[in-house]
């Protein structure tokens, strides 16, 4: 073989080998890129990708074809895009911690205190027995005269609607190094909980629950006060607790509530008011506040659990800053079939919209079961 032929053969082999190595490197780069994506291991094992396959099937097969939206879960909070850091761009870099540190909002605990009813109709009505039955003692042969019958009151709870209509680009959903849609679902669920809790306390009843603090109040007792009017006890000092023996007004408030309602009763107030009450002492110099001795249990005030709700007002002149009562007996929250979610990738391309709604209503159904502390003379 001529030297020139050998050189030509070697050059051809080297060129072919270099081309093969380049191709192999490109394939390895492609594989590594795919493996770096969230859910890549699941996709290679045959499990459908959450971002694409699951939601495509849920929207097209379940919702569009069958009208079944059960697989479209609760979603969202704000628009996302990869171009703006605060709107989602921070979630797209090549390497990012899969856990997101979250600045938690203040969730209201009120839903856990009140009675929750799920209804399949647009309106919900509840009958309340406000008493009025009479009776009498008689001998064996005495005549039985007619006695008074119970008085029934009707409370109508009409669900209002709360909604979120958030959006994210499909690229942001594809490229995020965590489950972006689950994050959105958690955000919208928390937002709904915050709005719902605020409405239970102070809602005006217009397309939302009517808050128990928006009802009229009076200092008269249960026997003479009109149905639907809550009883308040005054502190005797405008905008403050009494300077002397301030805990006495709390004891008085407990005993304005009938004994039958005290089992299951709780205090509701915000953290600023609670901080002031925690400093109160009894006649022996002991704090009336009893901190919880186990994780997850409520702290106690005068033997009853304390629930902090930041929707309760701060102490001010004529404010109703402390509530005590059996909220499950007093207040009913009506929910119409839970949260409904529509995933819409078509209307506003390239954004995928998540339209979430929940219909809830609420009202006081037993005005004897809540007592309020009014900071007034």
Protein backbone atom coordinates (compact mmCIF):
# COMPACT_ATOMS: atom_id res chain seq x y z
CA UNK A 1 0.00 0.00 0.00
CA UNK A 2 1.30 3.39 -0.94
CA UNK A 3 2.10 5.84 1.83
CA UNK A 4 -0.38 8.32 0.44
CA UNK A 5 -3.13 5.66 0.46
CA UNK A 6 -2.35 4.77 4.08
CA UNK A 7 -2.46 8.43 5.10
CA UNK A 8 -5.79 8.86 3.28
CA UNK A 9 -7.24 5.79 5.04
CA UNK A 10 -6.08 7.05 8.44
CA UNK A 11 -7.56 10.52 7.80
CA UNK A 12 -10.86 8.97 6.74
CA UNK A 13 -10.99 6.83 9.86
CA UNK A 14 -10.16 9.76 12.11
CA UNK A 15 -12.86 11.90 10.47
CA UNK A 16 -15.42 9.14 10.84
CA UNK A 17 -14.44 8.56 14.46
CA UNK A 18 -14.67 12.29 15.22
CA UNK A 19 -18.12 12.49 13.65
CA UNK A 20 -19.25 9.51 15.70
CA UNK A 21 -17.92 11.02 18.92
CA UNK A 22 -19.66 14.31 18.21
CA UNK A 23 -22.91 12.50 17.58
CA UNK A 24 -22.49 10.46 20.76
CA UNK A 25 -21.77 13.62 22.78
CA UNK A 26 -24.90 15.27 21.38
CA UNK A 27 -26.97 12.24 22.32
CA UNK A 28 -25.49 12.23 25.83
CA UNK A 29 -26.19 15.96 26.21
CA UNK A 30 -29.79 15.39 25.14
CA UNK A 31 -30.22 12.52 27.59
CA UNK A 32 -28.68 14.52 30.44
CA UNK A 33 -30.98 17.45 29.69
CA UNK A 34 -34.02 15.19 29.81
CA UNK A 35 -32.89 13.51 33.01
CA UNK A 36 -32.40 16.91 34.67
CA UNK A 37 -36.07 17.77 34.13
CA UNK A 38 -38.57 17.07 36.93
CA UNK A 39 -40.46 13.84 36.35
CA UNK A 40 -37.94 12.54 33.76
CA UNK A 41 -37.41 9.28 35.61
CA UNK A 42 -41.13 8.69 35.73
CA UNK A 43 -41.47 9.38 32.01
CA UNK A 44 -38.74 6.87 31.13
CA UNK A 45 -40.44 4.20 33.25
CA UNK A 46 -43.71 4.64 31.41
CA UNK A 47 -45.59 6.88 33.87
CA UNK A 48 -47.32 9.74 32.05
CA UNK A 49 -45.82 13.23 32.50
CA UNK A 50 -47.83 15.38 34.96
CA UNK A 51 -47.41 18.65 33.08
CA UNK A 52 -48.46 17.40 29.64
CA UNK A 53 -50.22 14.03 29.49
CA UNK A 54 -52.22 14.12 32.73
CA UNK A 55 -53.64 17.61 32.24
CA UNK A 56 -54.25 17.09 28.54
CA UNK A 57 -56.23 13.95 29.31
CA UNK A 58 -58.06 15.62 32.21
CA UNK A 59 -59.08 18.59 30.08
CA UNK A 60 -59.79 16.97 26.70
CA UNK A 61 -60.95 13.47 27.63
CA UNK A 62 -62.60 14.04 31.01
CA UNK A 63 -63.87 17.61 30.89
CA UNK A 64 -64.49 18.38 27.20
CA UNK A 65 -65.85 14.97 26.23
CA UNK A 66 -67.59 13.92 29.45
CA UNK A 67 -68.08 17.15 31.39
CA UNK A 68 -66.27 15.55 34.35
CA UNK A 69 -64.01 18.06 36.10
CA UNK A 70 -63.03 15.96 39.11
CA UNK A 71 -59.48 15.55 37.82
CA UNK A 72 -59.09 19.29 37.40
CA UNK A 73 -58.01 20.21 40.91
CA UNK A 74 -57.96 23.52 42.73
CA UNK A 75 -55.43 25.93 41.31
CA UNK A 76 -53.57 29.23 41.36
CA UNK A 77 -52.70 32.72 42.34
CA UNK A 78 -50.83 34.94 39.87
CA UNK A 79 -49.52 35.02 36.30
CA UNK A 80 -46.17 33.39 35.59
CA UNK A 81 -43.68 33.85 32.76
CA UNK A 82 -40.05 32.98 32.27
CA UNK A 83 -39.12 36.52 31.22
CA UNK A 84 -39.73 38.27 34.56
CA UNK A 85 -38.03 36.95 37.69
CA UNK A 86 -40.79 37.69 40.19
CA UNK A 87 -43.40 36.25 37.81
CA UNK A 88 -41.74 32.88 37.47
CA UNK A 89 -38.36 33.50 35.87
CA UNK A 90 -36.55 32.68 39.11
CA UNK A 91 -37.89 29.13 38.82
CA UNK A 92 -36.28 28.37 35.44
CA UNK A 93 -32.45 28.26 35.97
CA UNK A 94 -30.56 25.07 35.19
CA UNK A 95 -30.11 24.22 38.86
CA UNK A 96 -32.55 25.26 41.55
CA UNK A 97 -33.49 23.91 44.93
CA UNK A 98 -36.59 21.77 44.52
CA UNK A 99 -38.00 23.18 47.76
CA UNK A 100 -39.38 26.72 47.79
CA UNK A 101 -39.16 28.82 50.91
CA UNK A 102 -42.58 30.39 51.30
CA UNK A 103 -43.68 33.55 53.06
CA UNK A 104 -46.83 32.24 54.63
CA UNK A 105 -49.97 34.29 54.60
CA UNK A 106 -52.22 34.43 57.63
CA UNK A 107 -54.79 31.70 57.32
CA UNK A 108 -57.99 32.00 59.28
CA UNK A 109 -58.95 29.10 61.57
CA UNK A 110 -62.64 30.00 61.52
CA UNK A 111 -63.70 27.23 59.12
CA UNK A 112 -62.53 24.64 61.67
CA UNK A 113 -64.74 26.21 64.37
CA UNK A 114 -68.07 26.60 62.58
CA UNK A 115 -70.48 24.01 61.22
CA UNK A 116 -69.85 23.31 57.52
CA UNK A 117 -72.66 21.96 55.33
CA UNK A 118 -72.20 20.87 51.72
CA UNK A 119 -75.25 21.47 49.57
CA UNK A 120 -76.13 20.49 46.02
CA UNK A 121 -78.62 23.34 45.55
CA UNK A 122 -78.21 27.06 45.08
CA UNK A 123 -79.98 28.06 48.33
CA UNK A 124 -79.88 26.55 51.79
CA UNK A 125 -82.44 27.31 54.49
CA UNK A 126 -82.30 26.31 58.12
CA UNK A 127 -85.09 26.36 60.67
CA UNK A 128 -84.18 27.50 64.16
CA UNK A 129 -86.29 26.76 67.21
CA UNK A 130 -86.21 29.88 69.36
CA UNK A 131 -88.33 28.37 72.13
CA UNK A 132 -91.71 29.48 73.40
CA UNK A 133 -93.07 26.07 74.44
CA UNK A 134 -95.19 26.21 77.64
CA UNK A 135 -96.20 23.46 80.06
CA UNK A 136 -98.03 23.05 83.37
CA UNK A 137 -98.72 20.72 86.26
CA UNK A 138 -102.11 19.00 86.50
CA UNK A 139 -103.89 16.43 88.56
CA UNK A 140 -105.18 13.15 87.16
CA UNK A 141 -108.63 14.46 86.35
CA UNK A 142 -107.80 18.10 85.68
CA UNK A 143 -108.53 19.68 82.29
CA UNK A 144 -105.62 20.21 79.90
CA UNK A 145 -105.70 23.68 78.43
CA UNK A 146 -103.84 24.51 75.24
CA UNK A 147 -100.20 25.56 75.75
CA UNK A 148 -97.99 27.77 73.62
CA UNK A 149 -96.16 26.12 70.71
CA UNK A 150 -92.48 26.52 69.78
CA UNK A 151 -91.50 29.49 67.65
CA UNK A 152 -89.53 28.71 64.50
CA UNK A 153 -87.31 31.15 62.64
CA UNK A 154 -85.95 30.61 59.14
CA UNK A 155 -82.36 31.49 58.23
CA UNK A 156 -81.51 31.55 54.52
CA UNK A 157 -77.90 30.99 53.50
CA UNK A 158 -77.28 31.93 49.87
CA UNK A 159 -73.79 30.98 48.61
CA UNK A 160 -71.74 33.76 47.07
CA UNK A 161 -68.85 33.07 44.72
CA UNK A 162 -65.13 33.54 45.16
CA UNK A 163 -62.86 33.12 42.16
CA UNK A 164 -59.27 33.21 40.94
CA UNK A 165 -58.25 33.42 37.29
CA UNK A 166 -54.48 32.99 37.24
CA UNK A 167 -52.25 32.33 34.25
CA UNK A 168 -48.88 30.76 33.53
CA UNK A 169 -47.03 30.35 30.23
CA UNK A 170 -46.74 26.78 29.04
CA UNK A 171 -42.96 27.25 28.86
CA UNK A 172 -42.85 28.24 32.52
CA UNK A 173 -44.86 25.16 33.45
CA UNK A 174 -42.56 22.97 31.33
CA UNK A 175 -39.26 24.42 32.57
CA UNK A 176 -39.86 24.92 36.28
CA UNK A 177 -37.69 22.72 38.45
CA UNK A 178 -40.69 21.84 40.63
CA UNK A 179 -44.37 21.05 40.12
CA UNK A 180 -45.59 24.51 39.14
CA UNK A 181 -49.24 23.56 38.79
CA UNK A 182 -49.38 21.98 42.25
CA UNK A 183 -47.81 25.15 43.61
CA UNK A 184 -50.52 27.22 41.93
CA UNK A 185 -53.22 24.94 43.34
CA UNK A 186 -51.86 25.35 46.86
CA UNK A 187 -51.71 29.13 46.44
CA UNK A 188 -55.30 29.47 45.31
CA UNK A 189 -56.51 27.13 48.07
CA UNK A 190 -54.79 29.29 50.69
CA UNK A 191 -56.15 32.49 49.16
CA UNK A 192 -59.67 31.07 49.22
CA UNK A 193 -59.21 30.05 52.87
CA UNK A 194 -58.06 33.56 53.81
CA UNK A 195 -61.00 35.21 52.06
CA UNK A 196 -63.46 32.74 53.54
CA UNK A 197 -62.17 33.19 57.09
CA UNK A 198 -62.29 36.98 56.81
CA UNK A 199 -65.89 36.78 55.60
CA UNK A 200 -66.99 34.56 58.52
CA UNK A 201 -65.77 37.25 60.91
CA UNK A 202 -66.61 40.48 59.10
CA UNK A 203 -68.27 39.74 55.74
CA UNK A 204 -71.14 42.03 54.73
CA UNK A 205 -73.24 39.16 53.33
CA UNK A 206 -73.23 40.55 49.78
CA UNK A 207 -72.05 37.69 47.54
CA UNK A 208 -70.16 36.34 50.52
CA UNK A 209 -70.86 34.96 54.03
CA UNK A 210 -72.24 37.38 56.61
CA UNK A 211 -69.73 37.82 59.42
CA UNK A 212 -70.83 37.41 63.02
CA UNK A 213 -69.34 40.82 63.93
CA UNK A 214 -71.69 42.55 61.45
CA UNK A 215 -74.84 41.59 63.37
CA UNK A 216 -76.47 44.09 65.71
CA UNK A 217 -75.66 43.68 69.39
CA UNK A 218 -77.33 44.51 72.69
CA UNK A 219 -76.49 44.15 76.36
CA UNK A 220 -79.80 42.42 77.15
CA UNK A 221 -79.92 38.72 78.01
CA UNK A 222 -81.07 35.78 75.93
CA UNK A 223 -84.61 35.79 77.33
CA UNK A 224 -85.44 39.30 76.11
CA UNK A 225 -83.09 39.94 73.20
CA UNK A 226 -84.48 39.65 69.67
CA UNK A 227 -83.49 36.69 67.51
CA UNK A 228 -80.50 37.56 65.34
CA UNK A 229 -79.09 40.10 67.78
CA UNK A 230 -75.93 39.09 69.62
CA UNK A 231 -75.24 39.93 73.26
CA UNK A 232 -72.26 42.03 74.22
CA UNK A 233 -70.74 42.74 77.62
CA UNK A 234 -69.07 46.12 78.08
CA UNK A 235 -65.63 46.47 79.66
CA UNK A 236 -66.65 49.70 81.40
CA UNK A 237 -63.67 51.49 79.85
CA UNK A 238 -63.68 52.99 76.36
CA UNK A 239 -61.08 51.36 74.14
CA UNK A 240 -59.36 49.39 76.89
CA UNK A 241 -59.63 46.74 79.58
CA UNK A 242 -60.40 48.04 83.08
CA UNK A 243 -57.32 49.24 84.94
CA UNK A 244 -58.28 47.20 88.01
CA UNK A 245 -58.94 43.45 87.83
CA UNK A 246 -59.16 43.37 84.01
CA UNK A 247 -59.67 39.61 83.95
CA UNK A 248 -63.04 39.99 85.71
CA UNK A 249 -64.70 41.13 82.47
CA UNK A 250 -63.57 37.90 80.81
CA UNK A 251 -65.08 35.83 83.63
CA UNK A 252 -68.33 37.77 83.29
CA UNK A 253 -68.35 37.13 79.53
CA UNK A 254 -67.99 33.37 80.05
CA UNK A 255 -71.03 33.31 82.29
CA UNK A 256 -73.24 35.27 79.94
CA UNK A 257 -73.12 32.13 77.77
CA UNK A 258 -75.59 29.47 78.83
CA UNK A 259 -74.07 26.36 80.40
CA UNK A 260 -75.35 24.14 77.58
CA UNK A 261 -73.18 26.04 75.09
CA UNK A 262 -70.00 26.21 77.16
CA UNK A 263 -69.07 22.63 76.34
CA UNK A 264 -67.28 23.16 73.03
CA UNK A 265 -66.91 26.93 73.50
CA UNK A 266 -63.73 28.81 72.55
CA UNK A 267 -62.21 32.27 72.62
CA UNK A 268 -61.59 34.06 69.32
CA UNK A 269 -59.35 37.14 69.19
CA UNK A 270 -56.30 38.42 67.35
CA UNK A 271 -52.70 38.06 68.50
CA UNK A 272 -52.36 41.70 69.64
CA UNK A 273 -55.34 41.43 71.98
CA UNK A 274 -54.12 38.05 73.17
CA UNK A 275 -50.71 39.48 74.04
CA UNK A 276 -52.42 41.91 76.42
CA UNK A 277 -54.61 39.24 78.01
CA UNK A 278 -51.67 36.92 78.61
CA UNK A 279 -50.32 39.41 81.15
CA UNK A 280 -53.45 39.25 83.33
CA UNK A 281 -53.15 37.62 86.76
CA UNK A 282 -55.67 36.37 89.28
CA UNK A 283 -55.94 37.44 92.93
CA UNK A 284 -53.14 35.03 93.89
CA UNK A 285 -50.76 36.46 91.30
CA UNK A 286 -51.07 33.53 88.89
CA UNK A 287 -51.42 34.11 85.17
CA UNK A 288 -54.91 33.25 83.95
CA UNK A 289 -53.36 32.09 80.66
CA UNK A 290 -52.41 28.42 80.50
CA UNK A 291 -50.03 27.55 77.63
CA UNK A 292 -50.47 24.25 75.82
CA UNK A 293 -48.38 21.40 77.24
CA UNK A 294 -48.41 19.36 74.03
CA UNK A 295 -47.74 20.18 70.39
CA UNK A 296 -50.84 20.96 68.36
CA UNK A 297 -53.11 21.45 71.38
CA UNK A 298 -54.76 24.79 72.09
CA UNK A 299 -53.66 27.03 74.91
CA UNK A 300 -56.32 27.71 77.53
CA UNK A 301 -57.87 30.86 78.95
CA UNK A 302 -60.12 30.39 81.99
CA UNK A 303 -60.43 26.73 81.03
CA UNK A 304 -61.42 27.25 77.39
CA UNK A 305 -59.29 26.96 74.22
CA UNK A 306 -58.03 30.08 72.51
CA UNK A 307 -58.15 30.50 68.73
CA UNK A 308 -56.19 33.34 67.14
CA UNK A 309 -57.86 34.99 64.16
CA UNK A 310 -56.16 38.04 62.71
CA UNK A 311 -59.47 39.07 61.16
CA UNK A 312 -60.70 40.09 64.62
CA UNK A 313 -60.28 43.85 65.24
CA UNK A 314 -57.71 45.41 67.52
CA UNK A 315 -58.87 46.90 70.81
CA UNK A 316 -60.31 50.37 70.19
CA UNK A 317 -63.23 52.50 71.33
CA UNK A 318 -66.48 50.49 70.97
CA UNK A 319 -64.64 47.62 69.24
CA UNK A 320 -65.85 44.02 69.52
CA UNK A 321 -62.38 42.54 69.83
CA UNK A 322 -63.05 39.38 71.87
CA UNK A 323 -65.60 36.71 71.05
CA UNK A 324 -66.51 33.73 73.21
CA UNK A 325 -68.94 31.06 72.18
CA UNK A 326 -69.82 27.71 70.74
CA UNK A 327 -69.25 28.57 67.11
CA UNK A 328 -70.36 25.21 65.78
CA UNK A 329 -73.81 25.81 67.27
CA UNK A 330 -73.82 29.51 66.42
CA UNK A 331 -72.64 29.72 62.81
CA UNK A 332 -73.24 27.63 59.69
CA UNK A 333 -71.09 27.81 56.57
CA UNK A 334 -72.67 26.42 53.40
CA UNK A 335 -70.48 25.19 50.56
CA UNK A 336 -71.81 24.41 47.11
CA UNK A 337 -69.96 21.31 45.84
CA UNK A 338 -66.43 22.43 46.69
CA UNK A 339 -63.87 24.13 44.45
CA UNK A 340 -64.30 23.90 40.67
CA UNK A 341 -61.38 24.45 38.31
CA UNK A 342 -61.27 25.05 34.54
CA UNK A 343 -57.88 24.74 32.85
CA UNK A 344 -57.87 26.82 29.67
CA UNK A 345 -54.77 26.62 27.42
CA UNK A 346 -56.57 27.99 24.34
CA UNK A 347 -58.14 31.38 25.01
CA UNK A 348 -55.02 33.46 25.62
CA UNK A 349 -52.03 31.69 24.10
CA UNK A 350 -49.23 31.22 25.18
CA UNK A 351 -50.79 31.45 28.64
CA UNK A 352 -52.55 28.61 30.37
CA UNK A 353 -55.37 30.01 32.49
CA UNK A 354 -56.67 28.35 35.61
CA UNK A 355 -60.14 29.60 36.49
CA UNK A 356 -61.05 28.42 39.99
CA UNK A 357 -64.34 29.11 41.78
CA UNK A 358 -65.91 28.20 45.08
CA UNK A 359 -69.43 29.05 46.20
CA UNK A 360 -69.88 29.58 49.92
CA UNK A 361 -72.37 31.34 52.14
CA UNK A 362 -72.72 31.66 55.87
CA UNK A 363 -74.73 33.22 58.66
CA UNK A 364 -75.38 33.12 62.39
CA UNK A 365 -78.11 30.56 63.06
CA UNK A 366 -78.07 30.73 66.88
CA UNK A 367 -77.51 34.20 68.26
CA UNK A 368 -77.47 32.90 71.86
CA UNK A 369 -74.32 30.84 71.30
CA UNK A 370 -71.86 33.74 70.72
CA UNK A 371 -71.00 36.49 73.20
CA UNK A 372 -68.88 39.55 72.44
CA UNK A 373 -66.73 41.81 74.60
CA UNK A 374 -67.31 45.47 73.75
CA UNK A 375 -64.64 47.96 74.75
CA UNK A 376 -66.99 50.73 75.83
CA UNK A 377 -68.49 52.34 78.90
